[in-house]
Amino acid sequence: MHGGSPFLTDDPEPVDLRHPEINVIYQQTRFEGGRGEAFSSEVSYGCVQETQCHVALPQAFNRPVGATSGRG
């Protein structure tokens, strides 16, 4: 697949110079055998004019009923 015109995004402007933007995301899915969860934090910083530096730290969990939990 190719991202071509018209390419749309909900955040088309980079972060302002020397300003941070922090996002925290949490999602949970419950099912009969347990639950799955995902947690992520993202930090964007206006490091250069019209450019942002971005770091994302995702983490996923699987918590089955009666079994050992897993994460990754």
PDB file of N, CA and C in Angstrom:
ATOM      1  N   MET A   1       0.836  -1.175   0.000  1.00  0.00           N
ATOM      2  CA  MET A   1       0.000   0.000   0.000  1.00  0.00           C
ATOM      3  C   MET A   1       0.881   1.237   0.000  1.00  0.00           C
ATOM      4  N   HIS A   2       0.390   2.281  -0.603  1.00  0.00           N
ATOM      5  CA  HIS A   2       1.118   3.535  -0.686  1.00  0.00           C
ATOM      6  C   HIS A   2       0.273   4.651  -0.089  1.00  0.00           C
ATOM      7  N   GLY A   3       0.883   5.507   0.714  1.00  0.00           N
ATOM      8  CA  GLY A   3       0.191   6.677   1.252  1.00  0.00           C
ATOM      9  C   GLY A   3       0.314   7.810   0.253  1.00  0.00           C
ATOM     10  N   GLY A   4      -0.739   8.029  -0.480  1.00  0.00           N
ATOM     11  CA  GLY A   4      -0.687   9.057  -1.511  1.00  0.00           C
ATOM     12  C   GLY A   4      -1.732  10.117  -1.285  1.00  0.00           C
ATOM     13  N   SER A   5      -1.856  10.983  -2.233  1.00  0.00           N
ATOM     14  CA  SER A   5      -2.801  12.085  -2.161  1.00  0.00           C
ATOM     15  C   SER A   5      -4.223  11.555  -2.305  1.00  0.00           C
ATOM     16  N   PRO A   6      -5.215  12.019  -1.575  1.00  0.00           N
ATOM     17  CA  PRO A   6      -5.065  12.953  -0.457  1.00  0.00           C
ATOM     18  C   PRO A   6      -4.742  12.197   0.833  1.00  0.00           C
ATOM     19  N   PHE A   7      -3.619  12.494   1.441  1.00  0.00           N
ATOM     20  CA  PHE A   7      -3.216  11.886   2.700  1.00  0.00           C
ATOM     21  C   PHE A   7      -3.750  12.745   3.834  1.00  0.00           C
ATOM     22  N   LEU A   8      -4.575  12.167   4.709  1.00  0.00           N
ATOM     23  CA  LEU A   8      -5.201  12.911   5.800  1.00  0.00           C
ATOM     24  C   LEU A   8      -4.676  12.408   7.137  1.00  0.00           C
ATOM     25  N   THR A   9      -4.513  13.297   8.072  1.00  0.00           N
ATOM     26  CA  THR A   9      -4.096  12.942   9.416  1.00  0.00           C
ATOM     27  C   THR A   9      -4.822  13.841  10.409  1.00  0.00           C
ATOM     28  N   ASP A  10      -4.952  13.389  11.642  1.00  0.00           N
ATOM     29  CA  ASP A  10      -5.622  14.204  12.651  1.00  0.00           C
ATOM     30  C   ASP A  10      -4.657  15.176  13.322  1.00  0.00           C
ATOM     31  N   ASP A  11      -3.372  15.113  13.006  1.00  0.00           N
ATOM     32  CA  ASP A  11      -2.372  15.963  13.640  1.00  0.00           C
ATOM     33  C   ASP A  11      -1.369  16.430  12.587  1.00  0.00           C
ATOM     34  N   PRO A  12      -1.803  17.306  11.644  1.00  0.00           N
ATOM     35  CA  PRO A  12      -0.954  17.643  10.508  1.00  0.00           C
ATOM     36  C   PRO A  12       0.200  18.594  10.810  1.00  0.00           C
ATOM     37  N   GLU A  13       0.183  19.295  11.935  1.00  0.00           N
ATOM     38  CA  GLU A  13       1.225  20.260  12.256  1.00  0.00           C
ATOM     39  C   GLU A  13       2.221  19.672  13.243  1.00  0.00           C
ATOM     40  N   PRO A  14       3.520  19.896  13.047  1.00  0.00           N
ATOM     41  CA  PRO A  14       4.490  19.441  14.052  1.00  0.00           C
ATOM     42  C   PRO A  14       4.344  20.250  15.341  1.00  0.00           C
ATOM     43  N   VAL A  15       4.839  19.711  16.430  1.00  0.00           N
ATOM     44  CA  VAL A  15       4.811  20.401  17.715  1.00  0.00           C
ATOM     45  C   VAL A  15       5.635  21.682  17.605  1.00  0.00           C
ATOM     46  N   ASP A  16       5.182  22.748  18.278  1.00  0.00           N
ATOM     47  CA  ASP A  16       5.908  24.020  18.256  1.00  0.00           C
ATOM     48  C   ASP A  16       7.330  23.848  18.800  1.00  0.00           C
ATOM     49  N   LEU A  17       8.225  24.664  18.305  1.00  0.00           N
ATOM     50  CA  LEU A  17       9.625  24.616  18.707  1.00  0.00           C
ATOM     51  C   LEU A  17       9.768  24.714  20.225  1.00  0.00           C
ATOM     52  N   ARG A  18      10.544  23.790  20.812  1.00  0.00           N
ATOM     53  CA  ARG A  18      10.822  23.708  22.250  1.00  0.00           C
ATOM     54  C   ARG A  18       9.557  23.512  23.105  1.00  0.00           C
ATOM     55  N   HIS A  19       8.548  22.873  22.568  1.00  0.00           N
ATOM     56  CA  HIS A  19       7.337  22.536  23.319  1.00  0.00           C
ATOM     57  C   HIS A  19       7.119  21.024  23.269  1.00  0.00           C
ATOM     58  N   PRO A  20       6.685  20.428  24.386  1.00  0.00           N
ATOM     59  CA  PRO A  20       6.401  18.984  24.397  1.00  0.00           C
ATOM     60  C   PRO A  20       4.915  18.713  24.158  1.00  0.00           C
ATOM     61  N   GLU A  21       4.638  17.501  23.725  1.00  0.00           N
ATOM     62  CA  GLU A  21       3.264  16.988  23.643  1.00  0.00           C
ATOM     63  C   GLU A  21       3.323  15.571  24.189  1.00  0.00           C
ATOM     64  N   ILE A  22       2.508  15.280  25.194  1.00  0.00           N
ATOM     65  CA  ILE A  22       2.523  13.970  25.846  1.00  0.00           C
ATOM     66  C   ILE A  22       1.157  13.321  25.680  1.00  0.00           C
ATOM     67  N   ASN A  23       1.137  12.081  25.208  1.00  0.00           N
ATOM     68  CA  ASN A  23      -0.096  11.312  25.046  1.00  0.00           C
ATOM     69  C   ASN A  23       0.028  10.001  25.807  1.00  0.00           C
ATOM     70  N   VAL A  24      -1.028   9.635  26.520  1.00  0.00           N
ATOM     71  CA  VAL A  24      -1.090   8.366  27.236  1.00  0.00           C
ATOM     72  C   VAL A  24      -2.316   7.619  26.724  1.00  0.00           C
ATOM     73  N   ILE A  25      -2.129   6.365  26.328  1.00  0.00           N
ATOM     74  CA  ILE A  25      -3.198   5.565  25.732  1.00  0.00           C
ATOM     75  C   ILE A  25      -3.353   4.274  26.520  1.00  0.00           C
ATOM     76  N   TYR A  26      -4.597   3.906  26.818  1.00  0.00           N
ATOM     77  CA  TYR A  26      -4.883   2.639  27.495  1.00  0.00           C
ATOM     78  C   TYR A  26      -6.078   1.995  26.805  1.00  0.00           C
ATOM     79  N   GLN A  27      -5.975   0.691  26.552  1.00  0.00           N
ATOM     80  CA  GLN A  27      -7.056  -0.052  25.914  1.00  0.00           C
ATOM     81  C   GLN A  27      -7.169  -1.400  26.582  1.00  0.00           C
ATOM     82  N   GLN A  28      -8.404  -1.855  26.806  1.00  0.00           N
ATOM     83  CA  GLN A  28      -8.618  -3.157  27.433  1.00  0.00           C
ATOM     84  C   GLN A  28      -9.698  -3.915  26.664  1.00  0.00           C
ATOM     85  N   THR A  29      -9.465  -5.205  26.467  1.00  0.00           N
ATOM     86  CA  THR A  29     -10.445  -6.090  25.854  1.00  0.00           C
ATOM     87  C   THR A  29     -10.717  -7.229  26.828  1.00  0.00           C
ATOM     88  N   ARG A  30     -11.981  -7.380  27.202  1.00  0.00           N
ATOM     89  CA  ARG A  30     -12.366  -8.458  28.102  1.00  0.00           C
ATOM     90  C   ARG A  30     -13.004  -9.573  27.271  1.00  0.00           C
ATOM     91  N   PHE A  31     -12.661 -10.812  27.612  1.00  0.00           N
ATOM     92  CA  PHE A  31     -13.257 -11.951  26.932  1.00  0.00           C
ATOM     93  C   PHE A  31     -13.476 -13.053  27.952  1.00  0.00           C
ATOM     94  N   GLU A  32     -14.157 -14.102  27.564  1.00  0.00           N
ATOM     95  CA  GLU A  32     -14.543 -15.168  28.493  1.00  0.00           C
ATOM     96  C   GLU A  32     -13.350 -15.778  29.224  1.00  0.00           C
ATOM     97  N   GLY A  33     -12.223 -15.910  28.554  1.00  0.00           N
ATOM     98  CA  GLY A  33     -11.056 -16.548  29.155  1.00  0.00           C
ATOM     99  C   GLY A  33     -10.095 -15.595  29.850  1.00  0.00           C
ATOM    100  N   GLY A  34     -10.430 -14.326  29.985  1.00  0.00           N
ATOM    101  CA  GLY A  34      -9.541 -13.371  30.640  1.00  0.00           C
ATOM    102  C   GLY A  34      -9.662 -11.992  30.034  1.00  0.00           C
ATOM    103  N   ARG A  35      -8.531 -11.319  29.888  1.00  0.00           N
ATOM    104  CA  ARG A  35      -8.536  -9.992  29.282  1.00  0.00           C
ATOM    105  C   ARG A  35      -7.170  -9.682  28.679  1.00  0.00           C
ATOM    106  N   GLY A  36      -7.175  -8.793  27.715  1.00  0.00           N
ATOM    107  CA  GLY A  36      -5.948  -8.290  27.105  1.00  0.00           C
ATOM    108  C   GLY A  36      -5.912  -6.785  27.280  1.00  0.00           C
ATOM    109  N   GLU A  37      -4.730  -6.239  27.511  1.00  0.00           N
ATOM    110  CA  GLU A  37      -4.593  -4.810  27.741  1.00  0.00           C
ATOM    111  C   GLU A  37      -3.406  -4.271  26.958  1.00  0.00           C
ATOM    112  N   ALA A  38      -3.494  -3.025  26.592  1.00  0.00           N
ATOM    113  CA  ALA A  38      -2.372  -2.350  25.938  1.00  0.00           C
ATOM    114  C   ALA A  38      -2.243  -0.960  26.551  1.00  0.00           C
ATOM    115  N   PHE A  39      -1.018  -0.579  26.844  1.00  0.00           N
ATOM    116  CA  PHE A  39      -0.722   0.728  27.414  1.00  0.00           C
ATOM    117  C   PHE A  39       0.423   1.334  26.619  1.00  0.00           C
ATOM    118  N   SER A  40       0.316   2.593  26.300  1.00  0.00           N
ATOM    119  CA  SER A  40       1.370   3.247  25.551  1.00  0.00           C
ATOM    120  C   SER A  40       1.485   4.695  26.008  1.00  0.00           C
ATOM    121  N   SER A  41       2.684   5.189  26.050  1.00  0.00           N
ATOM    122  CA  SER A  41       2.901   6.611  26.279  1.00  0.00           C
ATOM    123  C   SER A  41       3.781   7.126  25.138  1.00  0.00           C
ATOM    124  N   GLU A  42       3.474   8.334  24.697  1.00  0.00           N
ATOM    125  CA  GLU A  42       4.203   8.941  23.590  1.00  0.00           C
ATOM    126  C   GLU A  42       4.595  10.365  23.975  1.00  0.00           C
ATOM    127  N   VAL A  43       5.800  10.743  23.631  1.00  0.00           N
ATOM    128  CA  VAL A  43       6.266  12.100  23.867  1.00  0.00           C
ATOM    129  C   VAL A  43       6.792  12.645  22.544  1.00  0.00           C
ATOM    130  N   SER A  44       6.266  13.800  22.143  1.00  0.00           N
ATOM    131  CA  SER A  44       6.765  14.512  20.966  1.00  0.00           C
ATOM    132  C   SER A  44       7.321  15.844  21.446  1.00  0.00           C
ATOM    133  N   TYR A  45       8.406  16.269  20.829  1.00  0.00           N
ATOM    134  CA  TYR A  45       9.052  17.513  21.238  1.00  0.00           C
ATOM    135  C   TYR A  45       9.507  18.266  19.994  1.00  0.00           C
ATOM    136  N   GLY A  46       9.239  19.551  19.958  1.00  0.00           N
ATOM    137  CA  GLY A  46       9.678  20.392  18.843  1.00  0.00           C
ATOM    138  C   GLY A  46      11.164  20.657  18.959  1.00  0.00           C
ATOM    139  N   CYS A  47      11.984  19.774  18.390  1.00  0.00           N
ATOM    140  CA  CYS A  47      13.440  19.853  18.562  1.00  0.00           C
ATOM    141  C   CYS A  47      14.109  20.800  17.569  1.00  0.00           C
ATOM    142  N   VAL A  48      13.513  21.000  16.399  1.00  0.00           N
ATOM    143  CA  VAL A  48      14.026  21.900  15.370  1.00  0.00           C
ATOM    144  C   VAL A  48      12.811  22.551  14.719  1.00  0.00           C
ATOM    145  N   GLN A  49      12.971  23.737  14.176  1.00  0.00           N
ATOM    146  CA  GLN A  49      11.860  24.424  13.522  1.00  0.00           C
ATOM    147  C   GLN A  49      11.185  23.514  12.489  1.00  0.00           C
ATOM    148  N   GLU A  50       9.857  23.361  12.594  1.00  0.00           N
ATOM    149  CA  GLU A  50       9.051  22.538  11.685  1.00  0.00           C
ATOM    150  C   GLU A  50       9.411  21.053  11.727  1.00  0.00           C
ATOM    151  N   THR A  51      10.051  20.606  12.818  1.00  0.00           N
ATOM    152  CA  THR A  51      10.421  19.199  12.987  1.00  0.00           C
ATOM    153  C   THR A  51      10.172  18.796  14.425  1.00  0.00           C
ATOM    154  N   GLN A  52       9.682  17.579  14.623  1.00  0.00           N
ATOM    155  CA  GLN A  52       9.496  17.101  15.991  1.00  0.00           C
ATOM    156  C   GLN A  52      10.207  15.774  16.185  1.00  0.00           C
ATOM    157  N   CYS A  53      10.714  15.580  17.409  1.00  0.00           N
ATOM    158  CA  CYS A  53      11.308  14.311  17.813  1.00  0.00           C
ATOM    159  C   CYS A  53      10.216  13.547  18.556  1.00  0.00           C
ATOM    160  N   HIS A  54      10.149  12.233  18.358  1.00  0.00           N
ATOM    161  CA  HIS A  54       9.027  11.449  18.874  1.00  0.00           C
ATOM    162  C   HIS A  54       9.554  10.147  19.486  1.00  0.00           C
ATOM    163  N   VAL A  55       9.071   9.834  20.700  1.00  0.00           N
ATOM    164  CA  VAL A  55       9.416   8.575  21.364  1.00  0.00           C
ATOM    165  C   VAL A  55       8.111   7.916  21.811  1.00  0.00           C
ATOM    166  N   ALA A  56       7.935   6.637  21.506  1.00  0.00           N
ATOM    167  CA  ALA A  56       6.747   5.874  21.917  1.00  0.00           C
ATOM    168  C   ALA A  56       7.200   4.658  22.717  1.00  0.00           C
ATOM    169  N   LEU A  57       6.508   4.385  23.828  1.00  0.00           N
ATOM    170  CA  LEU A  57       6.835   3.254  24.696  1.00  0.00           C
ATOM    171  C   LEU A  57       5.589   2.379  24.873  1.00  0.00           C
ATOM    172  N   PRO A  58       5.349   1.418  23.970  1.00  0.00           N
ATOM    173  CA  PRO A  58       4.168   0.550  24.077  1.00  0.00           C
ATOM    174  C   PRO A  58       4.422  -0.651  24.991  1.00  0.00           C
ATOM    175  N   GLN A  59       3.357  -1.163  25.580  1.00  0.00           N
ATOM    176  CA  GLN A  59       3.417  -2.354  26.431  1.00  0.00           C
ATOM    177  C   GLN A  59       2.075  -3.075  26.307  1.00  0.00           C
ATOM    178  N   ALA A  60       2.090  -4.381  26.093  1.00  0.00           N
ATOM    179  CA  ALA A  60       0.861  -5.172  25.986  1.00  0.00           C
ATOM    180  C   ALA A  60       0.857  -6.257  27.054  1.00  0.00           C
ATOM    181  N   PHE A  61      -0.332  -6.590  27.552  1.00  0.00           N
ATOM    182  CA  PHE A  61      -0.500  -7.596  28.597  1.00  0.00           C
ATOM    183  C   PHE A  61      -1.574  -8.590  28.179  1.00  0.00           C
ATOM    184  N   ASN A  62      -1.379  -9.846  28.537  1.00  0.00           N
ATOM    185  CA  ASN A  62      -2.393 -10.881  28.348  1.00  0.00           C
ATOM    186  C   ASN A  62      -2.623 -11.522  29.708  1.00  0.00           C
ATOM    187  N   ARG A  63      -3.857 -11.470  30.191  1.00  0.00           N
ATOM    188  CA  ARG A  63      -4.165 -11.994  31.522  1.00  0.00           C
ATOM    189  C   ARG A  63      -5.266 -13.052  31.438  1.00  0.00           C
ATOM    190  N   PRO A  64      -4.906 -14.295  31.094  1.00  0.00           N
ATOM    191  CA  PRO A  64      -5.897 -15.363  31.015  1.00  0.00           C
ATOM    192  C   PRO A  64      -6.304 -15.821  32.425  1.00  0.00           C
ATOM    193  N   VAL A  65      -7.563 -16.221  32.560  1.00  0.00           N
ATOM    194  CA  VAL A  65      -8.066 -16.714  33.840  1.00  0.00           C
ATOM    195  C   VAL A  65      -7.398 -18.054  34.156  1.00  0.00           C
ATOM    196  N   GLY A  66      -6.838 -18.199  35.347  1.00  0.00           N
ATOM    197  CA  GLY A  66      -6.246 -19.459  35.781  1.00  0.00           C
ATOM    198  C   GLY A  66      -4.908 -19.796  35.149  1.00  0.00           C
ATOM    199  N   ALA A  67      -4.260 -18.829  34.507  1.00  0.00           N
ATOM    200  CA  ALA A  67      -2.966 -19.100  33.863  1.00  0.00           C
ATOM    201  C   ALA A  67      -2.014 -17.937  34.143  1.00  0.00           C
ATOM    202  N   THR A  68      -0.766 -18.111  33.778  1.00  0.00           N
ATOM    203  CA  THR A  68       0.238 -17.090  33.975  1.00  0.00           C
ATOM    204  C   THR A  68       0.034 -15.937  33.004  1.00  0.00           C
ATOM    205  N   SER A  69       0.142 -14.738  33.517  1.00  0.00           N
ATOM    206  CA  SER A  69       0.017 -13.536  32.664  1.00  0.00           C
ATOM    207  C   SER A  69       1.258 -13.378  31.810  1.00  0.00           C
ATOM    208  N   GLY A  70       1.075 -12.754  30.663  1.00  0.00           N
ATOM    209  CA  GLY A  70       2.197 -12.472  29.772  1.00  0.00           C
ATOM    210  C   GLY A  70       2.209 -11.011  29.393  1.00  0.00           C
ATOM    211  N   ARG A  71       3.370 -10.516  29.020  1.00  0.00           N
ATOM    212  CA  ARG A  71       3.471  -9.135  28.576  1.00  0.00           C
ATOM    213  C   ARG A  71       4.577  -8.994  27.550  1.00  0.00           C
ATOM    214  N   GLY A  72       4.529  -7.921  26.820  1.00  0.00           N
ATOM    215  CA  GLY A  72       5.554  -7.697  25.828  1.00  0.00           C
ATOM    216  C   GLY A  72       5.386  -6.390  25.130  1.00  0.00           C
TER     217      GLY A  72
END
